[in-house]
């Protein structure tokens, strides 16, 4: 299994990315069999089971399913599309999705056009994309000499081939875990987050990872090139009221944690990386929900 991101296998995140190679081939557009059921007692961090021909998501909101289906990701530097609009239950209701596809269907196809068709059938989902001037965070250097970024050593990670995600080995011939460039592992230290990114560009860091921990899209404005190994430790709180983010969606903290004493993500980036998140505005492509209906029958 590839390293973990936000409590889910990073392989899951990567396999939700229809790549340019996969898009060139004819694609099935519907699942052979699919079941969608409410599952509001599920664990938010429950792990999906994905493999060619099988698509199982145990605990997802409709908003996150829409984000998977209508996002168009070709590489790790492309940020997940923000899904706007729709009723509040798009975030609060949770669903279990189990589907089977023809053996010729790839994971990328199942999480793209085939998931779109399923959401349109079961939830009457209708969306459109547009570009809006939106609040963002610019990632900038504190000053030209303040960067604490550690360049990735040559050979410390393997290049990630987006067209071969389902066949990627997770261990080397001697049994050691393989680190793929541009991937990340997350964990907890007490009640604080720990984020380790392996051989990432700052475009990948701001496109794929930072948006999961802050309340706005992030744009790389550092001008720095190359790949870096990044280690961050920070509190899960993003406000004095205890609000936290789960996959980019603000949720209230269940209870204050006595051992959640780490710095905020904003302080950690400045103190640990020598960078800064600066509030600004910029053009961001978003998915707008025009219509969605609660599940009525399976």
Protein backbone atom coordinates (compact mmCIF):
# COMPACT_ATOMS: atom_id res chain seq x y z
CA UNK A 1 0.00 0.00 0.00
CA UNK A 2 1.27 3.43 -0.87
CA UNK A 3 1.72 6.02 1.89
CA UNK A 4 -1.31 7.47 3.61
CA UNK A 5 -3.03 10.81 3.05
CA UNK A 6 -5.52 12.25 5.52
CA UNK A 7 -6.17 8.85 7.06
CA UNK A 8 -6.81 7.19 3.67
CA UNK A 9 -4.35 5.20 1.53
CA UNK A 10 -2.52 7.54 -0.81
CA UNK A 11 -3.14 4.92 -3.49
CA UNK A 12 -6.84 5.74 -3.12
CA UNK A 13 -6.23 9.40 -3.84
CA UNK A 14 -4.00 8.60 -6.81
CA UNK A 15 -6.44 6.11 -8.29
CA UNK A 16 -9.11 8.79 -8.35
CA UNK A 17 -7.04 10.61 -10.97
CA UNK A 18 -8.03 9.81 -14.57
CA UNK A 19 -4.77 10.34 -16.43
CA UNK A 20 -4.24 11.54 -19.96
CA UNK A 21 -3.22 8.09 -21.20
CA UNK A 22 -6.35 6.41 -19.85
CA UNK A 23 -8.61 9.06 -21.38
CA UNK A 24 -7.40 8.27 -24.89
CA UNK A 25 -8.92 4.76 -24.91
CA UNK A 26 -12.65 3.95 -25.29
CA UNK A 27 -14.25 3.90 -21.85
CA UNK A 28 -17.22 2.06 -20.35
CA UNK A 29 -19.70 4.61 -19.05
CA UNK A 30 -21.76 2.57 -16.56
CA UNK A 31 -21.18 -0.09 -13.91
CA UNK A 32 -22.52 -3.61 -14.42
CA UNK A 33 -23.93 -3.65 -10.88
CA UNK A 34 -23.97 -0.84 -8.32
CA UNK A 35 -25.34 -0.38 -4.80
CA UNK A 36 -25.58 3.01 -3.06
CA UNK A 37 -26.84 2.99 0.54
CA UNK A 38 -26.98 5.54 3.36
CA UNK A 39 -24.29 4.80 5.96
CA UNK A 40 -24.38 7.61 8.52
CA UNK A 41 -22.89 5.44 11.27
CA UNK A 42 -19.72 4.77 9.31
CA UNK A 43 -16.21 5.76 10.30
CA UNK A 44 -15.06 8.78 8.27
CA UNK A 45 -11.56 7.30 7.97
CA UNK A 46 -12.85 3.91 6.78
CA UNK A 47 -10.65 2.67 3.97
CA UNK A 48 -12.00 2.06 0.48
CA UNK A 49 -11.25 -1.09 -1.46
CA UNK A 50 -10.39 -0.36 -5.08
CA UNK A 51 -9.07 -2.66 -7.75
CA UNK A 52 -9.72 -3.13 -11.48
CA UNK A 53 -13.37 -4.04 -11.87
CA UNK A 54 -14.27 -3.39 -8.21
CA UNK A 55 -15.17 -0.05 -6.65
CA UNK A 56 -15.98 0.10 -2.92
CA UNK A 57 -16.29 3.32 -0.94
CA UNK A 58 -17.59 2.69 2.59
CA UNK A 59 -18.04 6.24 3.91
CA UNK A 60 -18.33 9.27 1.64
CA UNK A 61 -20.46 12.38 1.48
CA UNK A 62 -22.15 13.20 -1.80
CA UNK A 63 -19.97 16.31 -2.09
CA UNK A 64 -16.80 14.20 -1.92
CA UNK A 65 -18.24 11.75 -4.47
CA UNK A 66 -18.98 14.66 -6.82
CA UNK A 67 -15.42 15.92 -6.33
CA UNK A 68 -14.04 12.51 -7.30
CA UNK A 69 -16.30 12.10 -10.31
CA UNK A 70 -15.95 15.55 -11.87
CA UNK A 71 -12.36 16.36 -11.02
CA UNK A 72 -9.95 16.05 -13.94
CA UNK A 73 -6.53 15.28 -12.51
CA UNK A 74 -3.56 14.52 -14.72
CA UNK A 75 -0.84 14.87 -12.10
CA UNK A 76 -0.27 15.63 -8.43
CA UNK A 77 0.19 19.34 -9.13
CA UNK A 78 -3.47 19.73 -10.08
CA UNK A 79 -5.49 20.72 -7.02
CA UNK A 80 -8.79 18.95 -6.30
CA UNK A 81 -11.70 20.92 -7.72
CA UNK A 82 -13.79 22.68 -5.08
CA UNK A 83 -17.47 21.70 -5.14
CA UNK A 84 -19.81 24.58 -4.34
CA UNK A 85 -23.53 24.96 -3.84
CA UNK A 86 -26.15 22.36 -3.07
CA UNK A 87 -28.06 21.60 0.15
CA UNK A 88 -26.34 21.03 3.50
CA UNK A 89 -26.93 17.27 3.43
CA UNK A 90 -24.31 16.99 0.66
CA UNK A 91 -21.79 17.21 3.53
CA UNK A 92 -23.65 15.64 6.44
CA UNK A 93 -25.12 12.48 4.86
CA UNK A 94 -22.72 9.55 4.31
CA UNK A 95 -23.04 6.75 1.79
CA UNK A 96 -21.61 3.34 1.03
CA UNK A 97 -20.94 2.78 -2.67
CA UNK A 98 -20.30 -0.76 -3.94
CA UNK A 99 -19.96 -1.31 -7.66
CA UNK A 100 -18.71 -3.89 -10.12
CA UNK A 101 -17.49 -3.09 -13.60
CA UNK A 102 -16.49 -5.04 -16.64
CA UNK A 103 -12.93 -6.38 -16.35
CA UNK A 104 -11.81 -3.92 -19.00
CA UNK A 105 -12.65 -0.91 -16.81
CA UNK A 106 -9.73 0.78 -15.08
CA UNK A 107 -9.83 2.42 -11.68
CA UNK A 108 -9.46 5.78 -13.39
CA UNK A 109 -12.50 5.11 -15.57
CA UNK A 110 -14.61 3.90 -12.66
CA UNK A 111 -13.88 7.01 -10.60
CA UNK A 112 -14.57 9.33 -13.54
CA UNK A 113 -17.30 8.92 -16.14
CA UNK A 114 -18.78 5.79 -14.56
CA UNK A 115 -19.14 7.43 -11.16
CA UNK A 116 -20.63 10.50 -12.85
CA UNK A 117 -23.30 8.32 -14.47
CA UNK A 118 -24.06 6.60 -11.15
CA UNK A 119 -24.49 9.92 -9.32
CA UNK A 120 -26.71 11.25 -12.09
CA UNK A 121 -28.89 8.13 -11.90
CA UNK A 122 -29.19 7.75 -8.12
CA UNK A 123 -29.00 11.38 -6.92
CA UNK A 124 -30.13 13.24 -10.07
CA UNK A 125 -26.86 15.19 -9.83
CA UNK A 126 -26.40 18.04 -12.31
CA UNK A 127 -23.29 20.25 -12.19
CA UNK A 128 -21.35 22.74 -14.26
CA UNK A 129 -17.82 24.11 -14.07
CA UNK A 130 -16.90 27.77 -13.96
CA UNK A 131 -13.98 29.99 -13.01
CA UNK A 132 -14.51 32.34 -10.08
CA UNK A 133 -12.39 34.96 -8.37
CA UNK A 134 -11.97 33.31 -5.00
CA UNK A 135 -10.02 33.65 -1.76
CA UNK A 136 -6.73 31.77 -1.91
CA UNK A 137 -3.52 31.45 0.08
CA UNK A 138 -0.30 32.33 -1.74
CA UNK A 139 2.67 30.26 -0.58
CA UNK A 140 5.59 32.69 -0.46
CA UNK A 141 9.13 32.87 0.91
CA UNK A 142 9.49 34.69 4.22
CA UNK A 143 12.67 36.05 2.65
CA UNK A 144 15.10 34.77 0.04
CA UNK A 145 17.44 33.25 2.65
CA UNK A 146 14.82 31.87 5.05
CA UNK A 147 13.79 28.66 3.26
CA UNK A 148 14.32 25.54 5.37
CA UNK A 149 13.25 23.15 2.62
CA UNK A 150 15.35 19.99 2.30
CA UNK A 151 16.11 19.01 -1.32
CA UNK A 152 15.27 15.38 -2.04
CA UNK A 153 18.35 13.25 -2.53
CA UNK A 154 18.77 11.71 -5.96
CA UNK A 155 17.34 8.20 -5.98
CA UNK A 156 15.48 8.62 -2.66
CA UNK A 157 12.12 8.15 -4.40
CA UNK A 158 10.89 6.50 -7.58
CA UNK A 159 9.13 8.43 -10.36
CA UNK A 160 5.37 7.91 -10.32
CA UNK A 161 3.84 6.74 -13.60
CA UNK A 162 0.20 7.83 -13.56
CA UNK A 163 -0.73 5.37 -16.34
CA UNK A 164 0.43 2.36 -14.29
CA UNK A 165 -1.09 3.08 -10.89
CA UNK A 166 -2.79 -0.27 -10.44
CA UNK A 167 0.45 -2.16 -11.07
CA UNK A 168 2.80 -0.12 -8.87
CA UNK A 169 4.82 -2.29 -6.47
CA UNK A 170 4.82 -1.18 -2.85
CA UNK A 171 8.06 -2.95 -1.82
CA UNK A 172 11.47 -3.35 -3.41
CA UNK A 173 13.14 -6.69 -4.12
CA UNK A 174 14.75 -6.63 -0.66
CA UNK A 175 11.37 -6.02 1.03
CA UNK A 176 11.84 -2.33 1.76
CA UNK A 177 8.88 0.06 1.26
CA UNK A 178 9.08 2.03 -1.97
CA UNK A 179 8.64 5.79 -1.80
CA UNK A 180 7.18 7.35 -4.92
CA UNK A 181 8.07 10.92 -5.78
CA UNK A 182 5.21 13.30 -5.09
CA UNK A 183 3.40 11.08 -2.56
CA UNK A 184 2.90 11.66 1.14
CA UNK A 185 2.27 9.89 4.44
CA UNK A 186 0.14 11.29 7.24
CA UNK A 187 -0.13 10.31 10.87
CA UNK A 188 -0.78 11.56 14.37
CA UNK A 189 1.65 12.56 17.09
CA UNK A 190 -0.57 12.78 20.12
CA UNK A 191 -3.52 14.66 18.64
CA UNK A 192 -1.46 16.67 16.19
CA UNK A 193 -1.00 15.95 12.52
CA UNK A 194 2.30 14.79 11.04
CA UNK A 195 2.72 15.20 7.29
CA UNK A 196 5.68 13.76 5.36
CA UNK A 197 5.99 14.42 1.63
CA UNK A 198 8.55 12.55 -0.44
CA UNK A 199 10.31 14.21 -3.35
CA UNK A 200 7.52 16.72 -4.00
CA UNK A 201 7.63 19.83 -6.11
CA UNK A 202 6.04 22.88 -4.51
CA UNK A 203 3.37 22.76 -7.21
CA UNK A 204 2.45 19.26 -5.97
CA UNK A 205 2.68 20.35 -2.33
CA UNK A 206 0.28 23.26 -2.87
CA UNK A 207 -1.92 21.43 -5.35
CA UNK A 208 -2.46 18.12 -3.57
CA UNK A 209 -1.54 18.37 0.10
CA UNK A 210 -1.85 21.79 1.74
CA UNK A 211 -5.48 22.31 0.60
CA UNK A 212 -6.50 19.40 2.85
CA UNK A 213 -5.49 21.32 5.96
CA UNK A 214 -6.55 24.91 5.22
CA UNK A 215 -9.80 26.57 4.23
CA UNK A 216 -8.74 27.95 0.83
CA UNK A 217 -6.93 26.74 -2.31
CA UNK A 218 -3.16 27.30 -2.18
CA UNK A 219 -1.04 28.76 -5.00
CA UNK A 220 2.74 28.36 -5.18
CA UNK A 221 4.30 31.82 -5.49
CA UNK A 222 7.77 30.94 -4.19
CA UNK A 223 9.50 30.59 -7.55
CA UNK A 224 11.43 27.62 -6.13
CA UNK A 225 12.03 24.64 -8.41
CA UNK A 226 13.22 21.12 -7.74
CA UNK A 227 11.90 18.42 -5.42
CA UNK A 228 11.92 18.41 -1.64
CA UNK A 229 11.37 16.12 1.33
CA UNK A 230 8.93 17.95 3.59
CA UNK A 231 8.15 17.16 7.23
CA UNK A 232 5.46 19.13 9.10
CA UNK A 233 3.90 18.78 12.55
CA UNK A 234 0.87 20.93 13.38
CA UNK A 235 -2.38 21.15 15.30
CA UNK A 236 -5.65 20.00 13.76
CA UNK A 237 -7.39 23.18 14.91
CA UNK A 238 -7.74 25.98 12.37
CA UNK A 239 -9.74 28.40 14.53
CA UNK A 240 -10.16 29.46 18.13
CA UNK A 241 -13.60 27.79 18.12
CA UNK A 242 -11.95 24.45 17.45
CA UNK A 243 -13.02 24.11 13.82
CA UNK A 244 -11.05 21.54 11.84
CA UNK A 245 -10.87 20.58 8.19
CA UNK A 246 -11.65 17.12 6.88
CA UNK A 247 -10.71 16.80 3.20
CA UNK A 248 -11.10 20.55 2.81
CA UNK A 249 -14.51 20.73 4.54
CA UNK A 250 -14.74 22.60 7.91
CA UNK A 251 -16.11 20.38 10.69
CA UNK A 252 -16.43 21.14 14.42
CA UNK A 253 -13.94 19.46 16.72
CA UNK A 254 -15.55 16.69 18.76
CA UNK A 255 -13.80 17.84 21.92
CA UNK A 256 -10.67 19.78 22.88
CA UNK A 257 -7.62 17.54 23.03
CA UNK A 258 -5.33 18.00 26.00
CA UNK A 259 -2.29 16.97 23.97
CA UNK A 260 -3.15 19.05 20.89
CA UNK A 261 -0.48 21.60 21.66
CA UNK A 262 1.27 21.88 18.31
CA UNK A 263 1.42 25.05 16.21
CA UNK A 264 -1.24 25.86 13.64
CA UNK A 265 -0.54 24.87 10.04
CA UNK A 266 0.23 28.54 9.31
CA UNK A 267 2.80 28.80 12.09
CA UNK A 268 4.30 25.39 11.26
CA UNK A 269 4.89 26.33 7.62
CA UNK A 270 6.69 29.50 8.64
CA UNK A 271 8.72 28.05 11.51
CA UNK A 272 9.47 24.62 10.05
CA UNK A 273 9.78 25.43 6.32
CA UNK A 274 10.64 29.12 6.21
CA UNK A 275 7.62 29.76 4.01
CA UNK A 276 4.39 31.67 4.58
CA UNK A 277 0.72 31.39 3.64
CA UNK A 278 -0.50 34.85 2.64
CA UNK A 279 -4.21 35.54 2.08
CA UNK A 280 -5.10 36.77 -1.39
CA UNK A 281 -7.51 36.26 -4.31
CA UNK A 282 -7.19 34.48 -7.62
CA UNK A 283 -9.13 32.72 -10.41
CA UNK A 284 -10.13 29.21 -9.35
CA UNK A 285 -12.05 26.61 -11.36
CA UNK A 286 -14.93 25.19 -9.31
CA UNK A 287 -17.71 22.66 -9.74
CA UNK A 288 -21.14 24.15 -9.02
CA UNK A 289 -23.98 21.83 -8.00
CA UNK A 290 -27.13 22.78 -9.92
CA UNK A 291 -29.25 19.88 -8.71
CA UNK A 292 -29.06 16.97 -6.26
CA UNK A 293 -31.80 14.86 -4.71
CA UNK A 294 -31.58 12.71 -1.61
CA UNK A 295 -31.37 9.00 -2.24
CA UNK A 296 -34.90 7.59 -2.48
CA UNK A 297 -34.41 3.96 -3.48
CA UNK A 298 -31.43 1.74 -4.32
